[in-house]
N, C-alpha and C. Protein backbone atom coordinates (compact mmCIF):
# COMPACT_ATOMS: atom_id res chain seq x y z
N UNK A 1 -25.53 -16.47 -14.08
CA UNK A 1 -25.18 -16.34 -12.89
C UNK A 1 -23.65 -15.91 -12.88
N UNK A 2 -23.30 -14.73 -11.95
CA UNK A 2 -21.94 -14.19 -11.98
C UNK A 2 -21.39 -14.67 -10.81
N UNK A 3 -20.14 -15.42 -10.84
CA UNK A 3 -19.24 -15.94 -9.77
C UNK A 3 -18.31 -14.85 -9.27
N UNK A 4 -17.99 -14.09 -10.09
CA UNK A 4 -16.94 -12.85 -9.94
C UNK A 4 -17.71 -11.43 -9.86
N UNK A 5 -16.98 -10.65 -9.18
CA UNK A 5 -17.52 -9.30 -9.24
C UNK A 5 -17.05 -8.62 -10.48
N UNK A 6 -17.86 -7.74 -11.10
CA UNK A 6 -17.64 -7.09 -12.42
C UNK A 6 -16.31 -6.20 -12.07
N UNK A 7 -15.34 -6.17 -13.05
CA UNK A 7 -14.44 -5.23 -12.86
C UNK A 7 -14.45 -4.13 -13.98
N UNK A 8 -14.13 -2.99 -13.63
CA UNK A 8 -14.30 -1.56 -14.46
C UNK A 8 -13.07 -0.74 -14.21
N UNK A 9 -12.85 0.13 -15.01
CA UNK A 9 -11.96 1.03 -15.07
C UNK A 9 -11.80 2.05 -13.74
N UNK A 10 -10.77 2.06 -13.01
CA UNK A 10 -10.69 2.67 -11.69
C UNK A 10 -9.28 3.47 -11.74
N UNK A 11 -9.37 4.50 -11.20
CA UNK A 11 -7.91 5.29 -11.02
C UNK A 11 -7.50 5.20 -9.60
N UNK A 12 -6.04 4.61 -9.37
CA UNK A 12 -5.46 4.47 -8.22
C UNK A 12 -4.45 5.69 -8.12
N UNK A 13 -4.61 6.37 -6.99
CA UNK A 13 -3.60 7.45 -6.80
C UNK A 13 -2.68 7.25 -5.59
N UNK A 14 -1.47 7.05 -5.94
CA UNK A 14 -0.52 7.01 -5.00
C UNK A 14 0.00 8.27 -4.17
N UNK A 15 -0.55 8.34 -3.00
CA UNK A 15 -0.39 9.92 -2.37
C UNK A 15 1.12 10.19 -2.16
N UNK A 16 1.94 9.16 -1.80
CA UNK A 16 3.27 9.42 -1.47
C UNK A 16 4.06 9.65 -2.67
N UNK A 17 3.83 9.06 -4.00
CA UNK A 17 4.64 9.43 -5.03
C UNK A 17 3.94 10.38 -5.79
N UNK A 18 2.61 10.60 -5.72
CA UNK A 18 1.86 11.71 -6.44
C UNK A 18 1.83 11.32 -7.80
N UNK A 19 1.40 9.81 -8.00
CA UNK A 19 1.28 9.26 -9.23
C UNK A 19 0.02 8.50 -9.37
N UNK A 20 -0.74 8.48 -10.57
CA UNK A 20 -1.88 7.89 -10.79
C UNK A 20 -1.74 6.87 -11.70
N UNK A 21 -2.69 5.73 -11.46
CA UNK A 21 -2.79 4.68 -12.68
C UNK A 21 -4.22 4.36 -12.98
N UNK A 22 -4.34 4.21 -14.19
CA UNK A 22 -5.77 3.76 -14.59
C UNK A 22 -5.57 2.31 -14.78
N UNK A 23 -6.51 1.46 -14.12
CA UNK A 23 -6.41 0.08 -14.32
C UNK A 23 -7.76 -0.50 -14.14
N UNK A 24 -7.96 -1.70 -14.15
CA UNK A 24 -9.23 -2.34 -13.92
C UNK A 24 -9.36 -2.96 -12.57
N UNK A 25 -10.33 -2.76 -11.91
CA UNK A 25 -10.62 -3.31 -10.51
C UNK A 25 -11.94 -3.52 -10.23
N UNK A 26 -12.12 -4.25 -9.18
CA UNK A 26 -13.67 -4.45 -8.50
C UNK A 26 -13.95 -3.50 -7.42
N UNK A 27 -12.94 -2.67 -6.98
CA UNK A 27 -13.08 -1.80 -6.01
C UNK A 27 -13.93 -0.46 -6.57
N UNK A 28 -14.65 0.03 -5.60
CA UNK A 28 -15.56 1.06 -6.09
C UNK A 28 -15.15 2.16 -4.92
N UNK A 29 -15.64 3.45 -5.50
CA UNK A 29 -15.39 4.53 -4.63
C UNK A 29 -16.41 5.72 -5.01
N UNK A 30 -16.77 6.44 -3.98
CA UNK A 30 -17.74 7.50 -4.38
C UNK A 30 -17.08 8.90 -4.82
N UNK A 31 -15.69 8.82 -4.69
CA UNK A 31 -14.84 9.87 -5.38
C UNK A 31 -14.70 9.75 -6.89
N UNK A 32 -14.48 10.73 -7.50
CA UNK A 32 -14.12 10.46 -9.20
C UNK A 32 -13.06 11.34 -9.38
N UNK A 33 -12.46 11.05 -10.61
CA UNK A 33 -11.54 11.88 -11.08
C UNK A 33 -11.58 12.06 -12.70
N UNK A 34 -11.43 13.16 -13.35
CA UNK A 34 -11.33 13.25 -14.75
C UNK A 34 -9.93 12.82 -15.35
N UNK A 35 -9.77 11.88 -16.13
CA UNK A 35 -8.49 11.24 -16.58
C UNK A 35 -8.09 11.87 -17.74
N UNK A 36 -6.86 11.70 -18.23
CA UNK A 36 -6.39 12.19 -19.37
C UNK A 36 -7.06 12.06 -20.75
N UNK A 37 -7.77 11.00 -20.81
CA UNK A 37 -8.55 10.66 -21.84
C UNK A 37 -9.82 11.51 -21.81
N UNK A 38 -10.19 12.28 -20.83
CA UNK A 38 -11.56 13.17 -20.81
C UNK A 38 -12.59 12.53 -20.18
N UNK A 39 -12.44 11.26 -19.84
CA UNK A 39 -13.49 10.29 -19.08
C UNK A 39 -13.32 10.50 -17.58
N UNK A 40 -14.45 10.15 -16.76
CA UNK A 40 -14.49 10.35 -15.34
C UNK A 40 -14.48 8.95 -14.83
N UNK A 41 -13.64 8.75 -13.86
CA UNK A 41 -13.50 7.28 -13.27
C UNK A 41 -13.55 7.46 -11.82
N UNK A 42 -13.96 6.37 -11.19
CA UNK A 42 -13.71 6.31 -9.77
C UNK A 42 -12.29 6.30 -9.18
N UNK A 43 -12.10 7.10 -8.17
CA UNK A 43 -10.71 7.37 -7.65
C UNK A 43 -10.66 6.80 -6.32
N UNK A 44 -9.37 6.12 -6.09
CA UNK A 44 -9.07 5.46 -4.81
C UNK A 44 -7.62 5.95 -4.52
N UNK A 45 -7.64 6.53 -3.34
CA UNK A 45 -6.22 7.08 -3.01
C UNK A 45 -5.64 5.82 -2.25
N UNK A 46 -4.34 5.73 -2.48
CA UNK A 46 -3.48 4.70 -1.68
C UNK A 46 -2.38 5.38 -0.99
N UNK A 47 -1.94 4.94 0.11
CA UNK A 47 -0.57 5.39 0.66
C UNK A 47 0.66 4.81 0.12
N UNK A 48 0.48 3.67 -0.70
CA UNK A 48 2.02 3.21 -1.03
C UNK A 48 1.49 2.19 -2.43
N UNK A 49 2.35 2.36 -3.40
CA UNK A 49 2.23 1.35 -4.66
C UNK A 49 3.54 0.99 -5.22
N UNK A 50 3.62 0.53 -6.17
CA UNK A 50 5.02 0.35 -6.89
C UNK A 50 5.55 1.47 -7.20
N UNK A 51 5.13 2.86 -7.18
CA UNK A 51 5.80 3.84 -7.52
C UNK A 51 6.36 4.43 -6.16
N UNK A 52 6.13 4.24 -5.16
CA UNK A 52 6.69 4.55 -3.94
C UNK A 52 7.21 3.62 -2.87
N UNK A 53 6.91 2.33 -3.16
CA UNK A 53 7.37 1.09 -2.31
C UNK A 53 8.78 1.04 -2.55
N UNK A 54 9.57 0.90 -1.43
CA UNK A 54 11.09 0.80 -1.53
C UNK A 54 11.61 -0.52 -2.08
N UNK A 55 10.79 -1.42 -2.26
CA UNK A 55 11.30 -2.73 -2.92
C UNK A 55 11.32 -2.66 -4.52
N UNK A 56 10.38 -1.53 -5.04
CA UNK A 56 9.96 -1.35 -6.58
C UNK A 56 10.87 -0.22 -6.85
N UNK A 57 11.31 0.80 -5.88
CA UNK A 57 11.95 1.84 -6.35
C UNK A 57 13.40 1.74 -6.23
N UNK A 58 13.84 0.82 -5.42
CA UNK A 58 15.26 0.41 -5.32
C UNK A 58 15.83 1.43 -4.26
N UNK A 59 14.92 2.11 -3.35
CA UNK A 59 15.65 2.83 -2.19
C UNK A 59 15.20 2.26 -0.70
N UNK A 60 15.45 1.10 -0.73
CA UNK A 60 15.23 0.48 0.52
C UNK A 60 15.95 0.94 1.43
N UNK A 61 15.53 0.89 2.81
CA UNK A 61 16.08 1.39 4.00
C UNK A 61 16.70 0.23 4.52
N UNK A 62 17.91 0.60 5.35
CA UNK A 62 18.58 -0.55 5.96
C UNK A 62 17.98 -0.68 7.41
N UNK A 63 17.58 -1.84 7.82
CA UNK A 63 16.88 -1.94 9.03
C UNK A 63 17.73 -2.37 10.09
N UNK A 64 17.78 -1.61 11.08
CA UNK A 64 18.79 -1.81 12.35
C UNK A 64 18.08 -3.02 13.30
N UNK A 65 18.23 -4.22 12.89
CA UNK A 65 17.59 -5.15 13.64
C UNK A 65 17.97 -5.33 15.11
N UNK A 66 19.24 -5.03 15.43
CA UNK A 66 19.66 -4.94 16.89
C UNK A 66 18.96 -3.88 17.73
N UNK A 67 18.58 -2.72 17.04
CA UNK A 67 17.89 -1.79 17.75
C UNK A 67 16.49 -1.92 17.82
N UNK A 68 16.16 -2.74 16.99
CA UNK A 68 14.61 -3.12 17.21
C UNK A 68 14.49 -4.10 18.34
N UNK A 69 15.41 -5.11 18.24
CA UNK A 69 15.30 -6.07 19.33
C UNK A 69 15.36 -5.47 20.75
N UNK A 70 16.35 -4.39 20.97
CA UNK A 70 16.59 -3.60 22.11
C UNK A 70 15.37 -2.84 22.55
N UNK A 71 14.71 -2.27 21.57
CA UNK A 71 13.42 -1.37 21.67
C UNK A 71 12.38 -2.38 22.18
N UNK A 72 12.36 -3.55 21.74
CA UNK A 72 11.37 -4.55 21.89
C UNK A 72 11.38 -5.02 23.43
N UNK A 73 12.66 -5.28 23.72
CA UNK A 73 12.97 -5.64 25.08
C UNK A 73 12.74 -4.48 26.29
N UNK A 74 13.07 -3.36 25.83
CA UNK A 74 12.68 -2.25 26.75
C UNK A 74 11.28 -2.18 27.16
N UNK A 75 10.46 -2.29 25.90
CA UNK A 75 9.11 -2.16 25.96
C UNK A 75 8.51 -3.24 26.91
N UNK A 76 8.68 -4.43 26.34
CA UNK A 76 7.94 -5.59 26.94
C UNK A 76 8.88 -6.44 27.82
N UNK A 77 10.03 -6.08 28.24
CA UNK A 77 10.80 -6.86 29.02
C UNK A 77 11.47 -8.00 28.25
N UNK A 78 12.62 -8.48 28.92
CA UNK A 78 13.30 -9.52 28.30
C UNK A 78 12.47 -10.94 28.81
N UNK A 79 12.31 -11.87 28.14
CA UNK A 79 11.53 -13.02 28.46
C UNK A 79 12.39 -14.07 29.19
N UNK A 80 12.30 -14.53 30.11
CA UNK A 80 12.97 -15.59 30.96
C UNK A 80 13.11 -16.82 30.10
N UNK A 81 14.33 -17.59 30.13
CA UNK A 81 14.63 -18.63 29.50
C UNK A 81 13.84 -19.57 30.03
N UNK A 82 13.27 -20.49 29.25
CA UNK A 82 12.33 -21.61 29.55
C UNK A 82 12.93 -22.49 30.30
N UNK A 83 12.29 -23.01 31.48
CA UNK A 83 12.86 -24.17 32.26
C UNK A 83 12.43 -25.55 31.73
N UNK A 84 13.54 -26.62 31.78
CA UNK A 84 13.45 -27.90 31.33
C UNK A 84 13.12 -28.69 32.43
């Protein structure tokens, strides 16, 4: 009896960084790619990975929290103070 799905070699391609990783995963895909070793593996495209995520690359953006609050208030209105 198997309690866990079977893992197998899979290529994850980070579209933002144009980098691919060969790793093991239980994820499947109908798309395939020929890897550097000459073998063909399932291919899963991802929008972000450690190769492109600001936390891992050190290229974090500064977030303007005041501007975000103002945009939220413009969009949804300022909440009235609760009455006691």
